[in-house]
Protein backbone atom coordinates (compact mmCIF):
# COMPACT_ATOMS: atom_id res chain seq x y z
CA MET A 1 127.50 116.35 95.49
CA ASN A 2 127.08 119.09 98.06
CA MET A 3 124.32 119.49 100.63
CA GLN A 4 122.51 122.20 98.65
CA GLN A 5 122.32 119.97 95.56
CA LEU A 6 121.05 117.11 97.70
CA LEU A 7 118.33 119.31 99.21
CA LYS A 8 117.32 120.51 95.74
CA MET A 9 117.03 116.93 94.56
CA GLY A 10 114.92 116.06 97.59
CA GLN A 11 112.58 118.99 96.96
CA LYS A 12 112.23 118.03 93.31
CA MET A 13 111.45 114.43 94.25
CA GLN A 14 108.89 115.59 96.82
CA SER A 15 107.20 117.75 94.20
CA GLN A 16 107.15 114.85 91.73
CA MET A 17 105.64 112.53 94.35
CA ALA A 18 102.85 115.02 95.11
CA GLU A 19 102.10 115.28 91.39
CA ILE A 20 102.10 111.49 91.03
CA GLN A 21 99.67 111.11 93.93
CA GLU A 22 97.32 113.64 92.33
CA ASN A 23 97.54 111.82 89.00
CA LEU A 24 96.87 108.47 90.64
CA ASP A 25 93.78 109.91 92.36
CA ARG A 26 92.39 110.89 88.94
CA GLU A 27 93.42 107.70 87.13
CA GLU A 28 90.73 105.08 86.64
CA VAL A 29 91.42 101.43 85.92
CA THR A 30 88.63 99.03 85.00
CA ALA A 31 88.68 95.24 84.87
CA SER A 32 85.99 92.61 84.51
CA ALA A 33 85.33 88.99 85.37
CA GLY A 34 82.91 86.38 84.14
CA GLY A 35 83.08 87.55 80.55
CA GLY A 36 82.15 91.09 81.52
CA MET A 37 79.37 90.12 83.93
CA VAL A 38 81.09 91.95 86.80
CA THR A 39 83.18 95.07 86.29
CA ALA A 40 85.26 96.86 88.91
CA THR A 41 86.73 100.34 88.65
CA VAL A 42 89.57 101.48 90.90
CA ASP A 43 91.67 104.61 91.07
CA GLY A 44 95.40 104.60 90.39
CA LYS A 45 96.04 103.83 94.04
CA GLY A 46 93.86 100.72 93.94
CA SER A 47 90.88 102.10 95.89
CA VAL A 48 87.57 100.76 94.60
CA ARG A 49 85.51 103.45 92.87
CA GLY A 50 82.70 101.35 91.49
CA ILE A 51 81.25 97.92 90.79
CA SER A 52 78.89 97.01 87.97
CA ILE A 53 77.01 93.71 88.01
CA ASP A 54 75.00 92.37 85.09
CA PRO A 55 71.58 91.45 86.52
CA THR A 56 71.64 88.09 84.74
CA VAL A 57 74.50 86.93 86.97
CA VAL A 58 72.50 87.51 90.16
CA ASP A 59 71.27 84.09 91.27
CA PRO A 60 70.01 83.83 94.86
CA GLU A 61 70.85 80.13 94.75
CA ASP A 62 74.51 80.80 93.88
CA VAL A 63 75.66 83.86 95.81
CA GLU A 64 79.14 82.35 96.11
CA MET A 65 79.70 82.59 92.34
CA LEU A 66 78.78 86.29 92.38
CA GLU A 67 81.11 86.89 95.31
CA ASP A 68 83.92 85.16 93.40
CA LEU A 69 83.29 87.26 90.29
CA VAL A 70 83.28 90.50 92.29
CA LEU A 71 86.51 89.52 94.03
CA ALA A 72 88.15 88.55 90.73
CA ALA A 73 87.17 91.83 89.05
CA ILE A 74 88.43 93.92 91.99
CA SER A 75 91.68 91.97 92.22
CA GLU A 76 92.39 92.36 88.52
CA ALA A 77 91.61 96.10 88.59
CA GLN A 78 93.92 96.55 91.58
CA ASN A 79 96.68 94.57 89.81
CA GLN A 80 96.35 96.87 86.81
CA ALA A 81 96.41 99.93 89.08
CA ARG A 82 99.61 98.59 90.66
CA LYS A 83 101.17 98.53 87.19
CA VAL A 84 100.11 102.14 86.62
CA TYR A 85 101.68 103.05 89.97
CA ASP A 86 104.92 101.27 89.05
CA GLU A 87 105.06 103.08 85.69
CA GLU A 88 104.57 106.44 87.41
CA MET A 89 107.37 105.65 89.86
CA LYS A 90 109.70 104.72 87.00
CA LYS A 91 108.98 108.07 85.33
CA ALA A 92 109.68 109.95 88.55
CA THR A 93 112.94 108.13 89.23
CA GLY A 94 114.20 108.05 85.67
CA GLY A 95 113.81 104.29 85.53
CA MET A 96 115.86 103.62 88.64
CA PRO A 97 114.37 101.08 91.06
CA PHE A 98 112.06 102.62 93.59
CA PRO A 99 111.78 100.13 96.45
CA MET A 100 110.05 102.30 99.00
CA LYS A 101 106.28 102.63 99.01
CA LEU A 102 104.41 105.83 99.68
CA PRO A 103 101.90 105.87 102.55
CA GLY A 104 98.45 104.97 101.35
CA LEU A 105 99.69 103.37 98.16
CA PHE A 106 99.68 99.58 97.91
């Protein structure tokens, strides 16, 4: 492989990465905890976009349970977003392992 081919490949990969980042910004992943009492929505990069809490789960005497449900919903949504990210990386690399992480992504 010559230097020009290598540079072309690098430019193509850079273009694909920019496209992936844009797609991940638009992607939304939602997960819930407590049987749907708390729902978290994150983007494809794992950043929290929204939280929904069923009013019936709000108990001033048991704030810790609500905190746990919120944390569980966010964690699950971020785990799902991580899977979306991994799938996008596989597409970009043709299924080859992609060990490096992009800045701002997980």
